Amino acid sequence: MREMPQEARQPLHLIRRGGPYPYSRDGTTLGNYERRLPGARRVHYSEYTVATPGSRNRGAWRIVIGCKRQSPAKSPPPGTPGLAYSRGGGVAYYTADHYETFRRIVE
């Protein structure tokens, strides 16, 4: 994806590998409360930090991975990335404005 900054390549690589992640909030559930991402009820989203230049904290840049919800008996083992585990391989998005807008990552 041309619009994705170079800083996003390392977190995307870590997501594919299943970690380890440098930020404690990486891999947590993104609520999608504003419903800016598709499939609000059928899709589970996890968020991962992209280091934002000049920011003292996590900044505004994120990679978000969406996958179809699995039944509790079919949940991935801890540390397994949604991108690798989900049916259909998961869908990855990049946001540079802290969840205001999203662009799909096409590799």
PDB file of N, CA and C in Angstrom:
ATOM      1  N   MET A   1       0.853  -1.184   0.000  1.00  0.00           N
ATOM      2  CA  MET A   1       0.000   0.000   0.000  1.00  0.00           C
ATOM      3  C   MET A   1       0.889   1.234   0.000  1.00  0.00           C
ATOM      4  N   ARG A   2       0.732   2.053  -0.982  1.00  0.00           N
ATOM      5  CA  ARG A   2       1.594   3.227  -1.108  1.00  0.00           C
ATOM      6  C   ARG A   2       1.347   4.277  -0.031  1.00  0.00           C
ATOM      7  N   GLU A   3       0.097   4.394   0.433  1.00  0.00           N
ATOM      8  CA  GLU A   3      -0.246   5.419   1.409  1.00  0.00           C
ATOM      9  C   GLU A   3       0.205   5.061   2.829  1.00  0.00           C
ATOM     10  N   MET A   4       0.583   3.818   3.031  1.00  0.00           N
ATOM     11  CA  MET A   4       0.990   3.371   4.354  1.00  0.00           C
ATOM     12  C   MET A   4       2.443   3.769   4.587  1.00  0.00           C
ATOM     13  N   PRO A   5       2.742   4.388   5.731  1.00  0.00           N
ATOM     14  CA  PRO A   5       4.115   4.822   5.974  1.00  0.00           C
ATOM     15  C   PRO A   5       5.050   3.638   6.229  1.00  0.00           C
ATOM     16  N   GLN A   6       6.304   3.868   6.044  1.00  0.00           N
ATOM     17  CA  GLN A   6       7.323   2.846   6.278  1.00  0.00           C
ATOM     18  C   GLN A   6       7.232   2.287   7.702  1.00  0.00           C
ATOM     19  N   GLU A   7       6.869   3.118   8.664  1.00  0.00           N
ATOM     20  CA  GLU A   7       6.767   2.694  10.067  1.00  0.00           C
ATOM     21  C   GLU A   7       5.746   1.572  10.269  1.00  0.00           C
ATOM     22  N   ALA A   8       4.793   1.430   9.348  1.00  0.00           N
ATOM     23  CA  ALA A   8       3.752   0.413   9.491  1.00  0.00           C
ATOM     24  C   ALA A   8       4.201  -0.969   9.048  1.00  0.00           C
ATOM     25  N   ARG A   9       5.306  -1.057   8.371  1.00  0.00           N
ATOM     26  CA  ARG A   9       5.755  -2.352   7.867  1.00  0.00           C
ATOM     27  C   ARG A   9       6.201  -3.298   8.983  1.00  0.00           C
ATOM     28  N   GLN A  10       6.883  -2.787   9.993  1.00  0.00           N
ATOM     29  CA  GLN A  10       7.334  -3.631  11.100  1.00  0.00           C
ATOM     30  C   GLN A  10       6.154  -4.202  11.900  1.00  0.00           C
ATOM     31  N   PRO A  11       5.171  -3.391  12.319  1.00  0.00           N
ATOM     32  CA  PRO A  11       4.032  -3.984  13.022  1.00  0.00           C
ATOM     33  C   PRO A  11       3.285  -5.009  12.170  1.00  0.00           C
ATOM     34  N   LEU A  12       3.161  -4.767  10.878  1.00  0.00           N
ATOM     35  CA  LEU A  12       2.486  -5.727  10.004  1.00  0.00           C
ATOM     36  C   LEU A  12       3.259  -7.048   9.980  1.00  0.00           C
ATOM     37  N   HIS A  13       4.569  -6.966   9.957  1.00  0.00           N
ATOM     38  CA  HIS A  13       5.410  -8.161  10.014  1.00  0.00           C
ATOM     39  C   HIS A  13       5.209  -8.902  11.342  1.00  0.00           C
ATOM     40  N   LEU A  14       5.150  -8.166  12.443  1.00  0.00           N
ATOM     41  CA  LEU A  14       4.932  -8.790  13.759  1.00  0.00           C
ATOM     42  C   LEU A  14       3.555  -9.441  13.844  1.00  0.00           C
ATOM     43  N   ILE A  15       2.554  -8.824  13.239  1.00  0.00           N
ATOM     44  CA  ILE A  15       1.202  -9.391  13.240  1.00  0.00           C
ATOM     45  C   ILE A  15       1.220 -10.733  12.513  1.00  0.00           C
ATOM     46  N   ARG A  16       1.881 -10.791  11.380  1.00  0.00           N
ATOM     47  CA  ARG A  16       1.967 -12.045  10.625  1.00  0.00           C
ATOM     48  C   ARG A  16       2.649 -13.143  11.435  1.00  0.00           C
ATOM     49  N   ARG A  17       3.655 -12.753  12.225  1.00  0.00           N
ATOM     50  CA  ARG A  17       4.412 -13.722  13.041  1.00  0.00           C
ATOM     51  C   ARG A  17       3.715 -14.071  14.346  1.00  0.00           C
ATOM     52  N   GLY A  18       2.781 -13.232  14.782  1.00  0.00           N
ATOM     53  CA  GLY A  18       2.123 -13.469  16.063  1.00  0.00           C
ATOM     54  C   GLY A  18       2.841 -12.826  17.227  1.00  0.00           C
ATOM     55  N   GLY A  19       3.666 -11.814  16.964  1.00  0.00           N
ATOM     56  CA  GLY A  19       4.354 -11.079  18.017  1.00  0.00           C
ATOM     57  C   GLY A  19       5.822 -11.441  18.057  1.00  0.00           C
ATOM     58  N   PRO A  20       6.504 -10.997  19.078  1.00  0.00           N
ATOM     59  CA  PRO A  20       6.018 -10.213  20.220  1.00  0.00           C
ATOM     60  C   PRO A  20       5.797  -8.758  19.831  1.00  0.00           C
ATOM     61  N   TYR A  21       4.882  -8.120  20.544  1.00  0.00           N
ATOM     62  CA  TYR A  21       4.501  -6.750  20.242  1.00  0.00           C
ATOM     63  C   TYR A  21       5.122  -5.787  21.258  1.00  0.00           C
ATOM     64  N   PRO A  22       5.576  -4.625  20.806  1.00  0.00           N
ATOM     65  CA  PRO A  22       6.243  -3.691  21.712  1.00  0.00           C
ATOM     66  C   PRO A  22       5.306  -2.897  22.621  1.00  0.00           C
ATOM     67  N   TYR A  23       4.023  -2.854  22.317  1.00  0.00           N
ATOM     68  CA  TYR A  23       3.074  -2.078  23.114  1.00  0.00           C
ATOM     69  C   TYR A  23       2.087  -3.020  23.800  1.00  0.00           C
ATOM     70  N   SER A  24       1.801  -2.763  25.057  1.00  0.00           N
ATOM     71  CA  SER A  24       0.926  -3.654  25.824  1.00  0.00           C
ATOM     72  C   SER A  24      -0.500  -3.696  25.266  1.00  0.00           C
ATOM     73  N   ARG A  25      -0.937  -2.656  24.580  1.00  0.00           N
ATOM     74  CA  ARG A  25      -2.297  -2.626  24.030  1.00  0.00           C
ATOM     75  C   ARG A  25      -2.399  -3.304  22.666  1.00  0.00           C
ATOM     76  N   ASP A  26      -1.290  -3.712  22.083  1.00  0.00           N
ATOM     77  CA  ASP A  26      -1.325  -4.372  20.781  1.00  0.00           C
ATOM     78  C   ASP A  26      -2.061  -5.700  20.891  1.00  0.00           C
ATOM     79  N   GLY A  27      -2.975  -5.937  19.944  1.00  0.00           N
ATOM     80  CA  GLY A  27      -3.756  -7.160  19.933  1.00  0.00           C
ATOM     81  C   GLY A  27      -5.063  -7.065  20.696  1.00  0.00           C
ATOM     82  N   THR A  28      -5.326  -5.911  21.314  1.00  0.00           N
ATOM     83  CA  THR A  28      -6.579  -5.758  22.045  1.00  0.00           C
ATOM     84  C   THR A  28      -7.730  -5.518  21.068  1.00  0.00           C
ATOM     85  N   THR A  29      -8.929  -5.731  21.551  1.00  0.00           N
ATOM     86  CA  THR A  29     -10.121  -5.590  20.724  1.00  0.00           C
ATOM     87  C   THR A  29     -10.435  -4.123  20.463  1.00  0.00           C
ATOM     88  N   LEU A  30     -10.707  -3.828  19.207  1.00  0.00           N
ATOM     89  CA  LEU A  30     -11.195  -2.504  18.816  1.00  0.00           C
ATOM     90  C   LEU A  30     -12.709  -2.604  18.749  1.00  0.00           C
ATOM     91  N   GLY A  31     -13.408  -1.766  19.496  1.00  0.00           N
ATOM     92  CA  GLY A  31     -14.852  -1.861  19.603  1.00  0.00           C
ATOM     93  C   GLY A  31     -15.629  -1.533  18.339  1.00  0.00           C
ATOM     94  N   ASN A  32     -15.087  -0.715  17.455  1.00  0.00           N
ATOM     95  CA  ASN A  32     -15.783  -0.288  16.241  1.00  0.00           C
ATOM     96  C   ASN A  32     -17.146   0.319  16.567  1.00  0.00           C
ATOM     97  N   TYR A  33     -17.213   1.051  17.671  1.00  0.00           N
ATOM     98  CA  TYR A  33     -18.475   1.631  18.135  1.00  0.00           C
ATOM     99  C   TYR A  33     -19.059   2.628  17.140  1.00  0.00           C
ATOM    100  N   GLU A  34     -18.197   3.332  16.424  1.00  0.00           N
ATOM    101  CA  GLU A  34     -18.674   4.303  15.431  1.00  0.00           C
ATOM    102  C   GLU A  34     -19.097   3.616  14.138  1.00  0.00           C
ATOM    103  N   ARG A  35     -18.828   2.338  14.023  1.00  0.00           N
ATOM    104  CA  ARG A  35     -19.178   1.517  12.856  1.00  0.00           C
ATOM    105  C   ARG A  35     -18.592   2.062  11.562  1.00  0.00           C
ATOM    106  N   ARG A  36     -17.344   2.475  11.637  1.00  0.00           N
ATOM    107  CA  ARG A  36     -16.645   2.947  10.448  1.00  0.00           C
ATOM    108  C   ARG A  36     -16.021   1.796   9.676  1.00  0.00           C
ATOM    109  N   LEU A  37     -15.953   0.637  10.322  1.00  0.00           N
ATOM    110  CA  LEU A  37     -15.443  -0.566   9.673  1.00  0.00           C
ATOM    111  C   LEU A  37     -16.623  -1.497   9.387  1.00  0.00           C
ATOM    112  N   PRO A  38     -16.538  -2.308   8.345  1.00  0.00           N
ATOM    113  CA  PRO A  38     -17.672  -3.168   7.982  1.00  0.00           C
ATOM    114  C   PRO A  38     -17.901  -4.330   8.943  1.00  0.00           C
ATOM    115  N   GLY A  39     -19.121  -4.859   8.934  1.00  0.00           N
ATOM    116  CA  GLY A  39     -19.454  -6.082   9.649  1.00  0.00           C
ATOM    117  C   GLY A  39     -19.442  -5.984  11.153  1.00  0.00           C
ATOM    118  N   ALA A  40     -20.011  -4.924  11.701  1.00  0.00           N
ATOM    119  CA  ALA A  40     -19.912  -4.651  13.134  1.00  0.00           C
ATOM    120  C   ALA A  40     -20.290  -5.827  14.021  1.00  0.00           C
ATOM    121  N   ARG A  41     -21.300  -6.606  13.658  1.00  0.00           N
ATOM    122  CA  ARG A  41     -21.736  -7.704  14.528  1.00  0.00           C
ATOM    123  C   ARG A  41     -21.031  -9.016  14.228  1.00  0.00           C
ATOM    124  N   ARG A  42     -20.610  -9.195  12.994  1.00  0.00           N
ATOM    125  CA  ARG A  42     -20.033 -10.475  12.599  1.00  0.00           C
ATOM    126  C   ARG A  42     -18.512 -10.474  12.615  1.00  0.00           C
ATOM    127  N   VAL A  43     -17.906  -9.324  12.826  1.00  0.00           N
ATOM    128  CA  VAL A  43     -16.460  -9.221  12.700  1.00  0.00           C
ATOM    129  C   VAL A  43     -15.838  -8.769  14.013  1.00  0.00           C
ATOM    130  N   HIS A  44     -14.720  -9.389  14.339  1.00  0.00           N
ATOM    131  CA  HIS A  44     -13.927  -9.003  15.502  1.00  0.00           C
ATOM    132  C   HIS A  44     -12.718  -8.231  14.984  1.00  0.00           C
ATOM    133  N   TYR A  45     -12.417  -7.097  15.575  1.00  0.00           N
ATOM    134  CA  TYR A  45     -11.267  -6.291  15.166  1.00  0.00           C
ATOM    135  C   TYR A  45     -10.251  -6.208  16.290  1.00  0.00           C
ATOM    136  N   SER A  46      -8.985  -6.369  15.935  1.00  0.00           N
ATOM    137  CA  SER A  46      -7.879  -6.185  16.868  1.00  0.00           C
ATOM    138  C   SER A  46      -7.033  -5.031  16.364  1.00  0.00           C
ATOM    139  N   GLU A  47      -6.477  -4.253  17.299  1.00  0.00           N
ATOM    140  CA  GLU A  47      -5.670  -3.100  16.913  1.00  0.00           C
ATOM    141  C   GLU A  47      -4.212  -3.282  17.303  1.00  0.00           C
ATOM    142  N   TYR A  48      -3.338  -2.676  16.490  1.00  0.00           N
ATOM    143  CA  TYR A  48      -1.901  -2.745  16.704  1.00  0.00           C
ATOM    144  C   TYR A  48      -1.307  -1.363  16.456  1.00  0.00           C
ATOM    145  N   THR A  49      -0.361  -0.976  17.272  1.00  0.00           N
ATOM    146  CA  THR A  49       0.244   0.351  17.215  1.00  0.00           C
ATOM    147  C   THR A  49       1.272   0.449  16.092  1.00  0.00           C
ATOM    148  N   VAL A  50       1.207   1.557  15.380  1.00  0.00           N
ATOM    149  CA  VAL A  50       2.261   1.937  14.447  1.00  0.00           C
ATOM    150  C   VAL A  50       2.925   3.156  15.070  1.00  0.00           C
ATOM    151  N   ALA A  51       4.213   3.084  15.331  1.00  0.00           N
ATOM    152  CA  ALA A  51       4.919   4.203  15.963  1.00  0.00           C
ATOM    153  C   ALA A  51       4.726   5.471  15.138  1.00  0.00           C
ATOM    154  N   THR A  52       4.164   6.494  15.779  1.00  0.00           N
ATOM    155  CA  THR A  52       3.870   7.753  15.112  1.00  0.00           C
ATOM    156  C   THR A  52       5.013   8.728  15.367  1.00  0.00           C
ATOM    157  N   PRO A  53       5.743   9.147  14.331  1.00  0.00           N
ATOM    158  CA  PRO A  53       6.872  10.062  14.531  1.00  0.00           C
ATOM    159  C   PRO A  53       6.458  11.323  15.279  1.00  0.00           C
ATOM    160  N   GLY A  54       7.285  11.706  16.242  1.00  0.00           N
ATOM    161  CA  GLY A  54       7.049  12.926  17.002  1.00  0.00           C
ATOM    162  C   GLY A  54       6.073  12.783  18.152  1.00  0.00           C
ATOM    163  N   SER A  55       5.491  11.612  18.338  1.00  0.00           N
ATOM    164  CA  SER A  55       4.518  11.417  19.405  1.00  0.00           C
ATOM    165  C   SER A  55       5.212  10.900  20.662  1.00  0.00           C
ATOM    166  N   ARG A  56       4.783  11.395  21.809  1.00  0.00           N
ATOM    167  CA  ARG A  56       5.360  10.944  23.081  1.00  0.00           C
ATOM    168  C   ARG A  56       4.695   9.664  23.584  1.00  0.00           C
ATOM    169  N   ASN A  57       3.507   9.364  23.047  1.00  0.00           N
ATOM    170  CA  ASN A  57       2.808   8.149  23.454  1.00  0.00           C
ATOM    171  C   ASN A  57       2.624   7.264  22.220  1.00  0.00           C
ATOM    172  N   ARG A  58       1.601   6.451  22.202  1.00  0.00           N
ATOM    173  CA  ARG A  58       1.364   5.547  21.074  1.00  0.00           C
ATOM    174  C   ARG A  58       1.030   6.291  19.788  1.00  0.00           C
ATOM    175  N   GLY A  59       0.582   7.503  19.883  1.00  0.00           N
ATOM    176  CA  GLY A  59       0.251   8.261  18.687  1.00  0.00           C
ATOM    177  C   GLY A  59      -1.077   7.832  18.080  1.00  0.00           C
ATOM    178  N   ALA A  60      -1.335   8.279  16.861  1.00  0.00           N
ATOM    179  CA  ALA A  60      -2.632   8.082  16.218  1.00  0.00           C
ATOM    180  C   ALA A  60      -2.641   6.974  15.175  1.00  0.00           C
ATOM    181  N   TRP A  61      -1.486   6.479  14.787  1.00  0.00           N
ATOM    182  CA  TRP A  61      -1.419   5.510  13.703  1.00  0.00           C
ATOM    183  C   TRP A  61      -1.669   4.104  14.228  1.00  0.00           C
ATOM    184  N   ARG A  62      -2.493   3.328  13.502  1.00  0.00           N
ATOM    185  CA  ARG A  62      -2.800   1.956  13.899  1.00  0.00           C
ATOM    186  C   ARG A  62      -2.984   1.069  12.669  1.00  0.00           C
ATOM    187  N   ILE A  63      -2.756  -0.211  12.888  1.00  0.00           N
ATOM    188  CA  ILE A  63      -3.181  -1.242  11.953  1.00  0.00           C
ATOM    189  C   ILE A  63      -4.301  -1.983  12.665  1.00  0.00           C
ATOM    190  N   VAL A  64      -5.376  -2.222  11.957  1.00  0.00           N
ATOM    191  CA  VAL A  64      -6.536  -2.918  12.516  1.00  0.00           C
ATOM    192  C   VAL A  64      -6.772  -4.165  11.678  1.00  0.00           C
ATOM    193  N   ILE A  65      -6.918  -5.292  12.362  1.00  0.00           N
ATOM    194  CA  ILE A  65      -7.149  -6.571  11.692  1.00  0.00           C
ATOM    195  C   ILE A  65      -8.560  -7.025  12.012  1.00  0.00           C
ATOM    196  N   GLY A  66      -9.320  -7.346  10.988  1.00  0.00           N
ATOM    197  CA  GLY A  66     -10.680  -7.839  11.176  1.00  0.00           C
ATOM    198  C   GLY A  66     -10.788  -9.283  10.764  1.00  0.00           C
ATOM    199  N   CYS A  67     -11.529 -10.054  11.530  1.00  0.00           N
ATOM    200  CA  CYS A  67     -11.772 -11.441  11.168  1.00  0.00           C
ATOM    201  C   CYS A  67     -13.170 -11.830  11.620  1.00  0.00           C
ATOM    202  N   LYS A  68     -13.735 -12.846  10.975  1.00  0.00           N
ATOM    203  CA  LYS A  68     -15.055 -13.320  11.378  1.00  0.00           C
ATOM    204  C   LYS A  68     -14.958 -13.877  12.782  1.00  0.00           C
ATOM    205  N   ARG A  69     -15.988 -13.599  13.570  1.00  0.00           N
ATOM    206  CA  ARG A  69     -15.999 -14.109  14.942  1.00  0.00           C
ATOM    207  C   ARG A  69     -16.027 -15.634  14.928  1.00  0.00           C
ATOM    208  N   GLN A  70     -15.287 -16.211  15.846  1.00  0.00           N
ATOM    209  CA  GLN A  70     -15.240 -17.654  16.017  1.00  0.00           C
ATOM    210  C   GLN A  70     -16.038 -18.018  17.255  1.00  0.00           C
ATOM    211  N   SER A  71     -16.563 -19.219  17.305  1.00  0.00           N
ATOM    212  CA  SER A  71     -17.237 -19.662  18.519  1.00  0.00           C
ATOM    213  C   SER A  71     -16.185 -19.807  19.613  1.00  0.00           C
ATOM    214  N   PRO A  72     -16.575 -19.695  20.886  1.00  0.00           N
ATOM    215  CA  PRO A  72     -15.586 -19.793  21.963  1.00  0.00           C
ATOM    216  C   PRO A  72     -14.738 -21.054  21.895  1.00  0.00           C
ATOM    217  N   ALA A  73     -15.305 -22.162  21.438  1.00  0.00           N
ATOM    218  CA  ALA A  73     -14.542 -23.402  21.349  1.00  0.00           C
ATOM    219  C   ALA A  73     -13.485 -23.344  20.251  1.00  0.00           C
ATOM    220  N   LYS A  74     -13.627 -22.391  19.322  1.00  0.00           N
ATOM    221  CA  LYS A  74     -12.695 -22.293  18.209  1.00  0.00           C
ATOM    222  C   LYS A  74     -11.833 -21.045  18.294  1.00  0.00           C
ATOM    223  N   SER A  75     -11.717 -20.462  19.460  1.00  0.00           N
ATOM    224  CA  SER A  75     -10.896 -19.262  19.623  1.00  0.00           C
ATOM    225  C   SER A  75      -9.435 -19.605  19.394  1.00  0.00           C
ATOM    226  N   PRO A  76      -8.670 -18.657  18.853  1.00  0.00           N
ATOM    227  CA  PRO A  76      -7.260 -18.939  18.621  1.00  0.00           C
ATOM    228  C   PRO A  76      -6.504 -19.038  19.942  1.00  0.00           C
ATOM    229  N   PRO A  77      -5.423 -19.775  19.962  1.00  0.00           N
ATOM    230  CA  PRO A  77      -4.594 -19.815  21.160  1.00  0.00           C
ATOM    231  C   PRO A  77      -4.036 -18.424  21.443  1.00  0.00           C
ATOM    232  N   PRO A  78      -3.724 -18.101  22.701  1.00  0.00           N
ATOM    233  CA  PRO A  78      -3.159 -16.783  23.026  1.00  0.00           C
ATOM    234  C   PRO A  78      -1.925 -16.505  22.164  1.00  0.00           C
ATOM    235  N   GLY A  79      -1.832 -15.275  21.689  1.00  0.00           N
ATOM    236  CA  GLY A  79      -0.696 -14.860  20.884  1.00  0.00           C
ATOM    237  C   GLY A  79      -0.836 -15.142  19.409  1.00  0.00           C
ATOM    238  N   THR A  80      -1.890 -15.853  19.002  1.00  0.00           N
ATOM    239  CA  THR A  80      -2.099 -16.138  17.590  1.00  0.00           C
ATOM    240  C   THR A  80      -2.732 -14.926  16.933  1.00  0.00           C
ATOM    241  N   PRO A  81      -2.133 -14.416  15.867  1.00  0.00           N
ATOM    242  CA  PRO A  81      -2.675 -13.207  15.247  1.00  0.00           C
ATOM    243  C   PRO A  81      -3.984 -13.475  14.521  1.00  0.00           C
ATOM    244  N   GLY A  82      -4.912 -12.529  14.608  1.00  0.00           N
ATOM    245  CA  GLY A  82      -6.176 -12.647  13.907  1.00  0.00           C
ATOM    246  C   GLY A  82      -5.985 -12.802  12.411  1.00  0.00           C
ATOM    247  N   LEU A  83      -4.968 -12.174  11.873  1.00  0.00           N
ATOM    248  CA  LEU A  83      -4.726 -12.223  10.430  1.00  0.00           C
ATOM    249  C   LEU A  83      -4.432 -13.644   9.989  1.00  0.00           C
ATOM    250  N   ALA A  84      -3.706 -14.400  10.778  1.00  0.00           N
ATOM    251  CA  ALA A  84      -3.339 -15.755  10.406  1.00  0.00           C
ATOM    252  C   ALA A  84      -4.447 -16.749  10.742  1.00  0.00           C
ATOM    253  N   TYR A  85      -5.220 -16.502  11.786  1.00  0.00           N
ATOM    254  CA  TYR A  85      -6.183 -17.472  12.288  1.00  0.00           C
ATOM    255  C   TYR A  85      -7.552 -17.359  11.637  1.00  0.00           C
ATOM    256  N   SER A  86      -7.949 -16.167  11.280  1.00  0.00           N
ATOM    257  CA  SER A  86      -9.322 -15.944  10.842  1.00  0.00           C
ATOM    258  C   SER A  86      -9.635 -16.654   9.536  1.00  0.00           C
ATOM    259  N   ARG A  87     -10.912 -16.970   9.364  1.00  0.00           N
ATOM    260  CA  ARG A  87     -11.365 -17.534   8.098  1.00  0.00           C
ATOM    261  C   ARG A  87     -11.160 -16.498   7.013  1.00  0.00           C
ATOM    262  N   GLY A  88     -10.651 -16.914   5.891  1.00  0.00           N
ATOM    263  CA  GLY A  88     -10.446 -15.987   4.787  1.00  0.00           C
ATOM    264  C   GLY A  88      -9.183 -15.157   4.945  1.00  0.00           C
ATOM    265  N   GLY A  89      -8.382 -15.420   5.964  1.00  0.00           N
ATOM    266  CA  GLY A  89      -7.109 -14.734   6.107  1.00  0.00           C
ATOM    267  C   GLY A  89      -7.162 -13.393   6.795  1.00  0.00           C
ATOM    268  N   GLY A  90      -8.340 -12.895   7.127  1.00  0.00           N
ATOM    269  CA  GLY A  90      -8.436 -11.613   7.803  1.00  0.00           C
ATOM    270  C   GLY A  90      -8.316 -10.451   6.841  1.00  0.00           C
ATOM    271  N   VAL A  91      -8.746  -9.303   7.289  1.00  0.00           N
ATOM    272  CA  VAL A  91      -8.671  -8.085   6.498  1.00  0.00           C
ATOM    273  C   VAL A  91      -7.918  -7.065   7.327  1.00  0.00           C
ATOM    274  N   ALA A  92      -6.931  -6.430   6.726  1.00  0.00           N
ATOM    275  CA  ALA A  92      -6.107  -5.452   7.439  1.00  0.00           C
ATOM    276  C   ALA A  92      -6.431  -4.050   6.949  1.00  0.00           C
ATOM    277  N   TYR A  93      -6.475  -3.112   7.909  1.00  0.00           N
ATOM    278  CA  TYR A  93      -6.711  -1.699   7.622  1.00  0.00           C
ATOM    279  C   TYR A  93      -5.641  -0.869   8.294  1.00  0.00           C
ATOM    280  N   TYR A  94      -5.402   0.309   7.731  1.00  0.00           N
ATOM    281  CA  TYR A  94      -4.478   1.272   8.320  1.00  0.00           C
ATOM    282  C   TYR A  94      -5.250   2.553   8.589  1.00  0.00           C
ATOM    283  N   THR A  95      -5.024   3.150   9.764  1.00  0.00           N
ATOM    284  CA  THR A  95      -5.604   4.462  10.070  1.00  0.00           C
ATOM    285  C   THR A  95      -4.488   5.388  10.550  1.00  0.00           C
ATOM    286  N   ALA A  96      -4.472   6.589  10.006  1.00  0.00           N
ATOM    287  CA  ALA A  96      -3.480   7.590  10.397  1.00  0.00           C
ATOM    288  C   ALA A  96      -4.087   8.656  11.289  1.00  0.00           C
ATOM    289  N   ASP A  97      -5.401   8.568  11.537  1.00  0.00           N
ATOM    290  CA  ASP A  97      -6.087   9.626  12.279  1.00  0.00           C
ATOM    291  C   ASP A  97      -6.907   9.073  13.451  1.00  0.00           C
ATOM    292  N   HIS A  98      -6.370   8.054  14.082  1.00  0.00           N
ATOM    293  CA  HIS A  98      -6.967   7.471  15.292  1.00  0.00           C
ATOM    294  C   HIS A  98      -8.423   7.081  15.094  1.00  0.00           C
ATOM    295  N   TYR A  99      -8.653   6.218  14.109  1.00  0.00           N
ATOM    296  CA  TYR A  99      -9.938   5.580  13.849  1.00  0.00           C
ATOM    297  C   TYR A  99     -10.987   6.462  13.161  1.00  0.00           C
ATOM    298  N   GLU A 100     -10.601   7.616  12.670  1.00  0.00           N
ATOM    299  CA  GLU A 100     -11.556   8.455  11.932  1.00  0.00           C
ATOM    300  C   GLU A 100     -11.793   7.887  10.530  1.00  0.00           C
ATOM    301  N   THR A 101     -10.710   7.517   9.857  1.00  0.00           N
ATOM    302  CA  THR A 101     -10.811   6.942   8.518  1.00  0.00           C
ATOM    303  C   THR A 101      -9.898   5.717   8.441  1.00  0.00           C
ATOM    304  N   PHE A 102     -10.240   4.802   7.541  1.00  0.00           N
ATOM    305  CA  PHE A 102      -9.472   3.573   7.378  1.00  0.00           C
ATOM    306  C   PHE A 102      -9.213   3.326   5.907  1.00  0.00           C
ATOM    307  N   ARG A 103      -8.049   2.756   5.630  1.00  0.00           N
ATOM    308  CA  ARG A 103      -7.708   2.338   4.277  1.00  0.00           C
ATOM    309  C   ARG A 103      -7.323   0.866   4.351  1.00  0.00           C
ATOM    310  N   ARG A 104      -7.894   0.089   3.468  1.00  0.00           N
ATOM    311  CA  ARG A 104      -7.589  -1.340   3.463  1.00  0.00           C
ATOM    312  C   ARG A 104      -6.168  -1.569   2.973  1.00  0.00           C
ATOM    313  N   ILE A 105      -5.468  -2.456   3.647  1.00  0.00           N
ATOM    314  CA  ILE A 105      -4.110  -2.817   3.254  1.00  0.00           C
ATOM    315  C   ILE A 105      -4.215  -3.984   2.283  1.00  0.00           C
ATOM    316  N   VAL A 106      -3.727  -3.765   1.090  1.00  0.00           N
ATOM    317  CA  VAL A 106      -3.711  -4.806   0.061  1.00  0.00           C
ATOM    318  C   VAL A 106      -2.258  -5.142  -0.201  1.00  0.00           C
ATOM    319  N   GLU A 107      -1.920  -6.389   0.048  1.00  0.00           N
ATOM    320  CA  GLU A 107      -0.509  -6.794  -0.140  1.00  0.00           C
ATOM    321  C   GLU A 107      -0.313  -7.531  -1.437  1.00  0.00           C
TER     322      GLU A 107
END
